[in-house]
Protein backbone atom coordinates (compact mmCIF):
# COMPACT_ATOMS: atom_id res chain seq x y z
CA MET A 1 24.13 -58.66 -52.97
CA GLU A 2 26.49 -58.75 -49.99
CA ILE A 3 26.87 -54.98 -50.11
CA ILE A 4 23.09 -54.49 -49.94
CA ILE A 5 22.86 -56.76 -46.92
CA LEU A 6 25.76 -54.97 -45.22
CA ILE A 7 24.24 -51.54 -45.88
CA SER A 8 20.87 -52.74 -44.57
CA LEU A 9 22.47 -53.99 -41.36
CA VAL A 10 24.31 -50.71 -40.82
CA VAL A 11 21.11 -48.71 -41.35
CA LEU A 12 19.23 -50.93 -38.90
CA LEU A 13 21.97 -50.54 -36.30
CA VAL A 14 21.96 -46.75 -36.63
CA LEU A 15 18.17 -46.57 -36.37
CA GLY A 16 18.23 -48.88 -33.37
CA ALA A 17 20.81 -46.69 -31.67
CA LEU A 18 18.72 -43.57 -32.29
CA PHE A 19 15.64 -45.09 -30.69
CA VAL A 20 17.05 -47.30 -27.95
CA ILE A 21 20.28 -45.85 -26.56
CA PRO A 22 19.24 -42.24 -25.79
CA ARG A 23 15.93 -43.34 -24.31
CA SER A 24 17.56 -45.91 -22.00
CA ILE A 25 20.26 -43.47 -20.86
CA SER A 26 17.82 -40.71 -20.05
CA LYS A 27 15.23 -42.78 -18.17
CA GLY A 28 14.69 -41.20 -14.79
CA LYS A 29 17.37 -38.54 -15.34
CA GLY A 30 16.33 -35.21 -13.98
CA LYS A 31 13.12 -36.44 -12.39
CA GLU A 32 14.33 -35.38 -8.96
CA ALA A 33 14.12 -31.75 -10.06
CA HIS A 34 10.39 -31.97 -10.76
CA SER A 35 7.92 -31.36 -8.00
CA GLY A 36 4.87 -33.54 -7.67
CA GLY A 37 4.66 -34.47 -11.35
CA ASN A 38 2.84 -31.25 -12.26
CA GLY A 39 5.52 -30.14 -14.72
CA THR A 40 6.99 -27.43 -12.51
CA THR A 41 10.56 -27.46 -11.36
CA SER A 42 11.83 -26.78 -7.89
CA ARG A 43 15.25 -25.23 -8.71
CA SER A 44 16.16 -21.94 -10.35
CA TYR A 45 19.48 -21.14 -12.00
CA SER A 46 20.98 -17.91 -13.32
CA LYS A 47 22.68 -17.65 -16.70
CA LYS A 48 25.93 -17.34 -14.76
CA ASP A 49 25.21 -20.65 -12.98
CA VAL A 50 24.54 -22.37 -16.29
CA SER A 51 27.64 -20.88 -17.94
CA THR A 52 29.90 -22.83 -15.57
CA HIS A 53 28.64 -26.10 -17.07
CA SER A 54 30.01 -25.83 -20.60
CA THR A 55 32.13 -28.92 -21.22
CA ARG A 56 31.64 -32.40 -22.63
CA LYS A 57 31.81 -33.86 -19.09
CA ASP A 58 29.48 -31.23 -17.59
CA CYS A 59 27.02 -29.87 -20.13
CA TRP A 60 23.98 -27.76 -19.27
CA ILE A 61 21.85 -25.92 -21.79
CA ILE A 62 18.92 -23.51 -21.67
CA ILE A 63 15.85 -24.10 -23.82
CA LYS A 64 12.90 -21.72 -23.48
CA ASP A 65 13.92 -20.58 -19.99
CA LYS A 66 14.33 -24.11 -18.65
CA VAL A 67 17.69 -25.57 -17.67
CA TYR A 68 18.73 -29.04 -18.82
CA ASP A 69 21.69 -31.16 -17.75
CA VAL A 70 22.38 -33.06 -20.97
CA THR A 71 25.76 -34.42 -19.86
CA PRO A 72 24.67 -38.09 -20.11
CA TYR A 73 23.40 -37.48 -23.64
CA VAL A 74 26.44 -35.68 -25.10
CA GLU A 75 28.21 -38.85 -26.25
CA GLU A 76 25.00 -40.28 -27.73
CA HIS A 77 23.92 -37.11 -29.56
CA PRO A 78 23.28 -38.09 -33.21
CA GLY A 79 24.62 -34.70 -34.33
CA GLY A 80 27.96 -35.30 -32.67
CA ASP A 81 29.57 -32.31 -31.01
CA ALA A 82 26.91 -29.91 -32.29
CA ILE A 83 25.25 -30.23 -28.88
CA LEU A 84 28.32 -28.52 -27.41
CA ASN A 85 27.97 -25.40 -29.59
CA ASN A 86 25.83 -23.70 -26.95
CA ALA A 87 26.93 -25.64 -23.88
CA GLY A 88 26.50 -23.46 -20.83
CA ALA A 89 24.23 -21.08 -22.72
CA ASP A 90 20.90 -20.71 -24.50
CA SER A 91 20.32 -23.46 -27.05
CA THR A 92 16.70 -22.65 -27.88
CA GLU A 93 17.32 -21.66 -31.50
CA GLY A 94 19.45 -24.70 -32.27
CA PHE A 95 17.12 -27.06 -30.46
CA PHE A 96 14.13 -26.02 -32.55
CA GLY A 97 16.11 -26.24 -35.81
CA PRO A 98 15.10 -28.48 -38.71
CA GLN A 99 17.72 -31.11 -37.85
CA HIS A 100 15.73 -32.43 -34.89
CA GLY A 101 12.96 -34.95 -35.34
CA THR A 102 9.89 -34.94 -33.12
CA ARG A 103 11.38 -37.62 -30.86
CA VAL A 104 13.77 -35.09 -29.31
CA PHE A 105 10.78 -33.26 -27.84
CA ASP A 106 9.77 -36.46 -26.04
CA ILE A 107 13.13 -37.08 -24.38
CA ILE A 108 14.29 -33.55 -23.48
CA ASP A 109 12.07 -33.30 -20.39
CA ASP A 110 13.99 -36.20 -18.85
CA PHE A 111 16.99 -33.88 -18.59
CA CYS A 112 15.25 -30.85 -17.07
CA ILE A 113 16.81 -29.79 -13.76
CA GLY A 114 15.19 -26.40 -13.22
CA GLU A 115 14.18 -23.03 -14.56
CA LEU A 116 16.12 -19.95 -15.54
CA LYS A 117 16.04 -17.04 -13.09
CA ASP A 118 15.11 -13.64 -14.46
C-alpha cells in the first residue's frame, strides 16, 4: 500500500512539473522580438548567426524558418539533453516528432526571437 502511495505521489510531481515549471519559466520570454502582436517578428538571423548559439548555456534552434532562444528551457526539457541534439541548427524534424505532446506547440512561441534569413 505504501508503494502505491509513493508511486502516485511521484507521478503527480512529474505531471505537475511538466505543466507548471516550463510554462512559468517561459512566460514573457521572447515577447520583445514580436512586433505589435500580429505574429511577425522584427529580427532576422542567418544560419551562421544561429550556429554560434549551440551550448547548454546559450541554445538557439530553428523550427520552420523561425529562430527560438530556448536557453531558459534546456534544464526543464522533459527529454533531457535531447533538446541539445540540434542546438544552433535546424530542429524542425525533431520538434515535430512523436515524442512531443500538443502542449509544446503552445509554449514554443514564447521563445521565438526572430526569423531565419534566406
